[in-house]
Amino acid sequence: MASHSNRPTSPHLQVYKLPLTGLVSISHRMTGVLLSLGLLLFVMMLSALASGNNDYQAMQALWGNWLLRLVYYGFVYALFFHLCHGVRHLLWDAGKTFASETLDHYAKLELVASLLLTLLTLIFI
């Protein structure tokens, strides 16, 4: 019987370092799922608003919690990150920004743009 200890191991996350574009791609999928879950919170907020003053005040008191505030900020960031990455996909559909030397540049640009859009939104809300 042959020994299996000399066999090469396949790349896995403990050995292989994902490139920035891979991390951004995975994050795009994750934010899509989180946005779907966040829409449930949004619908709950609209329901409280439509249900009258007592429910609205209860919802306002609940949103004073720091943890829910953090969830809200994360939702806003996820929304803008997903938007920026979607714009990048539109550019790819047009055949632009595929050069390997610009992939990381555009990934960083999309991260910075989503952060700036989030900060600007939170400042004005």
N, C-alpha and C. Protein backbone atom coordinates (compact mmCIF):
# COMPACT_ATOMS: atom_id res chain seq x y z
N MET A 1 0.82 -1.18 0.00
CA MET A 1 0.00 0.00 0.00
C MET A 1 0.87 1.25 0.00
N ALA A 2 0.54 2.19 -0.84
CA ALA A 2 1.33 3.42 -0.95
C ALA A 2 0.96 4.38 0.17
N SER A 3 1.96 5.13 0.60
CA SER A 3 1.72 6.14 1.63
C SER A 3 1.11 7.39 1.00
N HIS A 4 0.12 7.95 1.66
CA HIS A 4 -0.54 9.14 1.16
C HIS A 4 0.07 10.42 1.70
N SER A 5 1.09 10.32 2.53
CA SER A 5 1.66 11.51 3.15
C SER A 5 2.43 12.39 2.17
N ASN A 6 2.84 11.84 1.03
CA ASN A 6 3.61 12.62 0.05
C ASN A 6 2.72 13.29 -0.99
N ARG A 7 1.43 13.08 -0.87
CA ARG A 7 0.52 13.67 -1.85
C ARG A 7 0.41 15.17 -1.63
N PRO A 8 0.33 15.93 -2.70
CA PRO A 8 0.18 17.38 -2.52
C PRO A 8 -1.21 17.70 -1.96
N THR A 9 -1.25 18.73 -1.16
CA THR A 9 -2.55 19.15 -0.64
C THR A 9 -3.13 20.20 -1.58
N SER A 10 -4.43 20.14 -1.71
CA SER A 10 -5.07 21.13 -2.58
C SER A 10 -5.15 22.45 -1.83
N PRO A 11 -5.17 23.56 -2.55
CA PRO A 11 -5.25 24.86 -1.88
C PRO A 11 -6.55 25.00 -1.10
N HIS A 12 -6.46 25.50 0.07
CA HIS A 12 -7.64 25.79 0.87
C HIS A 12 -7.38 27.12 1.57
N LEU A 13 -8.36 27.61 2.29
CA LEU A 13 -8.27 28.96 2.83
C LEU A 13 -7.16 29.14 3.85
N GLN A 14 -6.66 28.07 4.43
CA GLN A 14 -5.55 28.20 5.38
C GLN A 14 -4.21 28.29 4.67
N VAL A 15 -4.18 27.87 3.40
CA VAL A 15 -2.93 27.91 2.63
C VAL A 15 -2.99 29.00 1.56
N TYR A 16 -4.12 29.12 0.92
CA TYR A 16 -4.29 30.02 -0.22
C TYR A 16 -4.82 31.36 0.26
N LYS A 17 -4.16 32.44 -0.13
CA LYS A 17 -4.63 33.78 0.23
C LYS A 17 -5.47 34.31 -0.93
N LEU A 18 -6.74 34.58 -0.62
CA LEU A 18 -7.63 35.10 -1.65
C LEU A 18 -7.19 36.50 -2.08
N PRO A 19 -7.24 36.77 -3.37
CA PRO A 19 -6.94 38.15 -3.82
C PRO A 19 -8.07 39.09 -3.40
N LEU A 20 -7.78 40.37 -3.43
CA LEU A 20 -8.77 41.37 -3.03
C LEU A 20 -10.05 41.24 -3.84
N THR A 21 -9.92 40.98 -5.12
CA THR A 21 -11.11 40.85 -5.97
C THR A 21 -11.96 39.65 -5.54
N GLY A 22 -11.34 38.59 -5.07
CA GLY A 22 -12.08 37.43 -4.57
C GLY A 22 -12.81 37.75 -3.28
N LEU A 23 -12.14 38.48 -2.39
CA LEU A 23 -12.79 38.88 -1.14
C LEU A 23 -13.96 39.81 -1.39
N VAL A 24 -13.79 40.73 -2.34
CA VAL A 24 -14.87 41.66 -2.68
C VAL A 24 -16.04 40.91 -3.30
N SER A 25 -15.75 39.91 -4.12
CA SER A 25 -16.80 39.12 -4.75
C SER A 25 -17.60 38.34 -3.70
N ILE A 26 -16.91 37.73 -2.76
CA ILE A 26 -17.59 37.00 -1.69
C ILE A 26 -18.40 37.97 -0.83
N SER A 27 -17.83 39.13 -0.56
CA SER A 27 -18.54 40.14 0.24
C SER A 27 -19.80 40.63 -0.47
N HIS A 28 -19.73 40.72 -1.79
CA HIS A 28 -20.89 41.14 -2.56
C HIS A 28 -22.03 40.15 -2.38
N ARG A 29 -21.72 38.88 -2.41
CA ARG A 29 -22.75 37.86 -2.21
C ARG A 29 -23.31 37.93 -0.79
N MET A 30 -22.43 38.10 0.18
CA MET A 30 -22.87 38.16 1.58
C MET A 30 -23.75 39.39 1.83
N THR A 31 -23.38 40.53 1.26
CA THR A 31 -24.20 41.72 1.46
C THR A 31 -25.56 41.57 0.79
N GLY A 32 -25.62 40.84 -0.30
CA GLY A 32 -26.90 40.59 -0.95
C GLY A 32 -27.85 39.82 -0.02
N VAL A 33 -27.32 38.82 0.66
CA VAL A 33 -28.13 38.05 1.62
C VAL A 33 -28.52 38.95 2.80
N LEU A 34 -27.56 39.71 3.32
CA LEU A 34 -27.84 40.58 4.46
C LEU A 34 -28.86 41.67 4.10
N LEU A 35 -28.81 42.16 2.89
CA LEU A 35 -29.79 43.16 2.46
C LEU A 35 -31.19 42.55 2.42
N SER A 36 -31.28 41.30 2.01
CA SER A 36 -32.58 40.64 2.02
C SER A 36 -33.13 40.53 3.44
N LEU A 37 -32.27 40.18 4.38
CA LEU A 37 -32.69 40.12 5.78
C LEU A 37 -33.02 41.50 6.32
N GLY A 38 -32.24 42.50 5.92
CA GLY A 38 -32.47 43.87 6.36
C GLY A 38 -33.79 44.43 5.86
N LEU A 39 -34.24 43.93 4.72
CA LEU A 39 -35.53 44.39 4.21
C LEU A 39 -36.67 43.98 5.14
N LEU A 40 -36.50 42.87 5.83
CA LEU A 40 -37.51 42.46 6.82
C LEU A 40 -37.61 43.50 7.93
N LEU A 41 -36.45 44.00 8.39
CA LEU A 41 -36.46 45.06 9.40
C LEU A 41 -37.11 46.33 8.86
N PHE A 42 -36.83 46.63 7.61
CA PHE A 42 -37.41 47.82 6.99
C PHE A 42 -38.93 47.71 6.92
N VAL A 43 -39.43 46.54 6.56
CA VAL A 43 -40.87 46.32 6.50
C VAL A 43 -41.48 46.43 7.90
N MET A 44 -40.77 45.93 8.91
CA MET A 44 -41.25 46.07 10.28
C MET A 44 -41.34 47.54 10.68
N MET A 45 -40.36 48.34 10.24
CA MET A 45 -40.39 49.77 10.53
C MET A 45 -41.59 50.43 9.85
N LEU A 46 -41.83 50.10 8.60
CA LEU A 46 -42.97 50.66 7.88
C LEU A 46 -44.29 50.24 8.52
N SER A 47 -44.34 49.01 8.97
CA SER A 47 -45.54 48.52 9.64
C SER A 47 -45.80 49.29 10.93
N ALA A 48 -44.74 49.54 11.70
CA ALA A 48 -44.89 50.31 12.94
C ALA A 48 -45.33 51.73 12.63
N LEU A 49 -44.81 52.29 11.56
CA LEU A 49 -45.18 53.64 11.16
C LEU A 49 -46.66 53.70 10.78
N ALA A 50 -47.11 52.68 10.08
CA ALA A 50 -48.50 52.66 9.64
C ALA A 50 -49.47 52.27 10.74
N SER A 51 -48.97 51.66 11.81
CA SER A 51 -49.86 51.16 12.87
C SER A 51 -50.27 52.22 13.88
N GLY A 52 -49.67 53.35 13.83
CA GLY A 52 -50.09 54.41 14.75
C GLY A 52 -48.98 54.88 15.66
N ASN A 53 -49.33 55.85 16.46
CA ASN A 53 -48.37 56.56 17.30
C ASN A 53 -47.69 55.65 18.33
N ASN A 54 -48.46 54.79 19.00
CA ASN A 54 -47.88 53.93 20.04
C ASN A 54 -46.84 52.97 19.47
N ASP A 55 -47.17 52.32 18.36
CA ASP A 55 -46.21 51.39 17.74
C ASP A 55 -44.99 52.13 17.21
N TYR A 56 -45.22 53.31 16.67
CA TYR A 56 -44.09 54.10 16.16
C TYR A 56 -43.16 54.51 17.29
N GLN A 57 -43.70 54.94 18.43
CA GLN A 57 -42.86 55.32 19.56
C GLN A 57 -42.11 54.12 20.12
N ALA A 58 -42.74 52.95 20.14
CA ALA A 58 -42.07 51.73 20.59
C ALA A 58 -40.91 51.39 19.66
N MET A 59 -41.14 51.55 18.35
CA MET A 59 -40.08 51.28 17.37
C MET A 59 -38.94 52.28 17.55
N GLN A 60 -39.24 53.53 17.78
CA GLN A 60 -38.21 54.55 18.00
C GLN A 60 -37.39 54.22 19.25
N ALA A 61 -38.05 53.78 20.31
CA ALA A 61 -37.34 53.41 21.54
C ALA A 61 -36.42 52.22 21.28
N LEU A 62 -36.90 51.27 20.50
CA LEU A 62 -36.09 50.09 20.18
C LEU A 62 -34.85 50.47 19.39
N TRP A 63 -34.99 51.41 18.46
CA TRP A 63 -33.85 51.81 17.63
C TRP A 63 -32.85 52.66 18.39
N GLY A 64 -33.15 53.02 19.62
CA GLY A 64 -32.17 53.71 20.46
C GLY A 64 -31.09 52.77 20.97
N ASN A 65 -31.31 51.48 20.87
CA ASN A 65 -30.35 50.46 21.28
C ASN A 65 -29.11 50.53 20.39
N TRP A 66 -27.93 50.52 21.00
CA TRP A 66 -26.69 50.66 20.22
C TRP A 66 -26.48 49.50 19.26
N LEU A 67 -26.92 48.30 19.62
CA LEU A 67 -26.72 47.14 18.75
C LEU A 67 -27.57 47.26 17.49
N LEU A 68 -28.81 47.71 17.65
CA LEU A 68 -29.64 47.90 16.46
C LEU A 68 -29.15 49.07 15.61
N ARG A 69 -28.57 50.07 16.27
CA ARG A 69 -27.97 51.17 15.51
C ARG A 69 -26.82 50.65 14.65
N LEU A 70 -26.02 49.76 15.22
CA LEU A 70 -24.90 49.16 14.49
C LEU A 70 -25.41 48.34 13.31
N VAL A 71 -26.49 47.60 13.53
CA VAL A 71 -27.11 46.84 12.44
C VAL A 71 -27.58 47.79 11.34
N TYR A 72 -28.17 48.90 11.73
CA TYR A 72 -28.63 49.90 10.77
C TYR A 72 -27.47 50.46 9.95
N TYR A 73 -26.38 50.82 10.63
CA TYR A 73 -25.21 51.34 9.91
C TYR A 73 -24.66 50.28 8.96
N GLY A 74 -24.62 49.04 9.41
CA GLY A 74 -24.16 47.95 8.54
C GLY A 74 -25.06 47.76 7.34
N PHE A 75 -26.37 47.93 7.55
CA PHE A 75 -27.32 47.81 6.44
C PHE A 75 -27.07 48.90 5.40
N VAL A 76 -26.85 50.12 5.87
CA VAL A 76 -26.60 51.23 4.94
C VAL A 76 -25.29 50.98 4.18
N TYR A 77 -24.25 50.51 4.89
CA TYR A 77 -22.99 50.21 4.20
C TYR A 77 -23.19 49.09 3.18
N ALA A 78 -23.88 48.03 3.58
CA ALA A 78 -24.11 46.91 2.67
C ALA A 78 -24.86 47.36 1.42
N LEU A 79 -25.81 48.28 1.61
CA LEU A 79 -26.56 48.80 0.48
C LEU A 79 -25.64 49.51 -0.51
N PHE A 80 -24.78 50.38 0.00
CA PHE A 80 -23.89 51.12 -0.91
C PHE A 80 -22.78 50.24 -1.47
N PHE A 81 -22.29 49.29 -0.69
CA PHE A 81 -21.28 48.36 -1.21
C PHE A 81 -21.87 47.54 -2.35
N HIS A 82 -23.08 47.04 -2.13
CA HIS A 82 -23.74 46.24 -3.16
C HIS A 82 -24.00 47.08 -4.41
N LEU A 83 -24.37 48.34 -4.21
CA LEU A 83 -24.58 49.24 -5.34
C LEU A 83 -23.29 49.48 -6.12
N CYS A 84 -22.21 49.79 -5.41
CA CYS A 84 -20.93 50.06 -6.08
C CYS A 84 -20.42 48.84 -6.82
N HIS A 85 -20.57 47.67 -6.22
CA HIS A 85 -20.13 46.46 -6.91
C HIS A 85 -21.02 46.17 -8.11
N GLY A 86 -22.31 46.51 -8.00
CA GLY A 86 -23.21 46.35 -9.14
C GLY A 86 -22.82 47.25 -10.30
N VAL A 87 -22.38 48.47 -9.98
CA VAL A 87 -21.89 49.37 -11.03
C VAL A 87 -20.65 48.78 -11.69
N ARG A 88 -19.79 48.19 -10.88
CA ARG A 88 -18.59 47.54 -11.42
C ARG A 88 -18.98 46.40 -12.37
N HIS A 89 -20.01 45.64 -12.01
CA HIS A 89 -20.48 44.57 -12.89
C HIS A 89 -21.05 45.15 -14.19
N LEU A 90 -21.70 46.30 -14.12
CA LEU A 90 -22.18 46.93 -15.35
C LEU A 90 -21.01 47.33 -16.25
N LEU A 91 -19.94 47.81 -15.63
CA LEU A 91 -18.74 48.13 -16.42
C LEU A 91 -18.15 46.87 -17.04
N TRP A 92 -18.16 45.79 -16.30
CA TRP A 92 -17.67 44.52 -16.86
C TRP A 92 -18.55 44.06 -18.01
N ASP A 93 -19.87 44.24 -17.87
CA ASP A 93 -20.78 43.86 -18.95
C ASP A 93 -20.51 44.67 -20.21
N ALA A 94 -20.01 45.89 -20.03
CA ALA A 94 -19.66 46.73 -21.18
C ALA A 94 -18.27 46.41 -21.70
N GLY A 95 -17.58 45.45 -21.07
CA GLY A 95 -16.25 45.04 -21.54
C GLY A 95 -15.13 45.92 -21.01
N LYS A 96 -15.38 46.67 -19.95
CA LYS A 96 -14.37 47.59 -19.40
C LYS A 96 -13.79 47.02 -18.10
N THR A 97 -12.66 47.55 -17.72
CA THR A 97 -11.95 47.30 -16.44
C THR A 97 -11.58 45.83 -16.22
N PHE A 98 -11.30 45.10 -17.29
CA PHE A 98 -10.89 43.71 -17.14
C PHE A 98 -9.39 43.53 -17.06
N ALA A 99 -8.64 44.58 -17.32
CA ALA A 99 -7.17 44.45 -17.30
C ALA A 99 -6.72 44.04 -15.91
N SER A 100 -5.83 43.04 -15.84
CA SER A 100 -5.45 42.48 -14.54
C SER A 100 -4.76 43.52 -13.65
N GLU A 101 -4.09 44.50 -14.24
CA GLU A 101 -3.41 45.51 -13.43
C GLU A 101 -4.38 46.52 -12.81
N THR A 102 -5.61 46.58 -13.31
CA THR A 102 -6.58 47.53 -12.76
C THR A 102 -7.63 46.89 -11.86
N LEU A 103 -7.65 45.56 -11.78
CA LEU A 103 -8.69 44.89 -10.98
C LEU A 103 -8.63 45.29 -9.51
N ASP A 104 -7.45 45.27 -8.92
CA ASP A 104 -7.32 45.66 -7.51
C ASP A 104 -7.63 47.14 -7.32
N HIS A 105 -7.21 47.96 -8.29
CA HIS A 105 -7.49 49.40 -8.20
C HIS A 105 -8.99 49.66 -8.12
N TYR A 106 -9.75 49.02 -8.99
CA TYR A 106 -11.20 49.23 -9.00
C TYR A 106 -11.87 48.61 -7.77
N ALA A 107 -11.32 47.52 -7.24
CA ALA A 107 -11.85 46.94 -6.01
C ALA A 107 -11.66 47.92 -4.85
N LYS A 108 -10.48 48.52 -4.76
CA LYS A 108 -10.23 49.51 -3.70
C LYS A 108 -11.11 50.74 -3.90
N LEU A 109 -11.27 51.16 -5.14
CA LEU A 109 -12.13 52.31 -5.43
C LEU A 109 -13.57 52.04 -5.01
N GLU A 110 -14.03 50.85 -5.26
CA GLU A 110 -15.42 50.51 -4.88
C GLU A 110 -15.57 50.45 -3.36
N LEU A 111 -14.56 49.98 -2.65
CA LEU A 111 -14.62 49.96 -1.18
C LEU A 111 -14.63 51.38 -0.61
N VAL A 112 -13.78 52.24 -1.15
CA VAL A 112 -13.72 53.62 -0.68
C VAL A 112 -15.02 54.36 -1.02
N ALA A 113 -15.52 54.17 -2.23
CA ALA A 113 -16.76 54.84 -2.65
C ALA A 113 -17.93 54.42 -1.77
N SER A 114 -18.02 53.13 -1.47
CA SER A 114 -19.14 52.67 -0.63
C SER A 114 -19.02 53.22 0.79
N LEU A 115 -17.81 53.33 1.31
CA LEU A 115 -17.62 53.91 2.64
C LEU A 115 -17.97 55.39 2.65
N LEU A 116 -17.52 56.13 1.63
CA LEU A 116 -17.84 57.56 1.55
C LEU A 116 -19.34 57.80 1.40
N LEU A 117 -19.99 57.02 0.55
CA LEU A 117 -21.44 57.16 0.38
C LEU A 117 -22.17 56.86 1.68
N THR A 118 -21.70 55.86 2.42
CA THR A 118 -22.31 55.52 3.70
C THR A 118 -22.14 56.68 4.69
N LEU A 119 -20.93 57.20 4.78
CA LEU A 119 -20.68 58.32 5.72
C LEU A 119 -21.51 59.54 5.35
N LEU A 120 -21.56 59.87 4.08
CA LEU A 120 -22.37 61.02 3.66
C LEU A 120 -23.85 60.81 3.97
N THR A 121 -24.33 59.61 3.77
CA THR A 121 -25.74 59.32 4.06
C THR A 121 -26.01 59.44 5.55
N LEU A 122 -25.14 58.86 6.37
CA LEU A 122 -25.36 58.89 7.82
C LEU A 122 -25.22 60.30 8.38
N ILE A 123 -24.41 61.13 7.76
CA ILE A 123 -24.29 62.52 8.20
C ILE A 123 -25.59 63.27 7.95
N PHE A 124 -26.21 63.02 6.81
CA PHE A 124 -27.39 63.79 6.43
C PHE A 124 -28.71 63.15 6.87
N ILE A 125 -28.66 62.02 7.53
CA ILE A 125 -29.92 61.39 8.00
C ILE A 125 -30.05 61.65 9.48
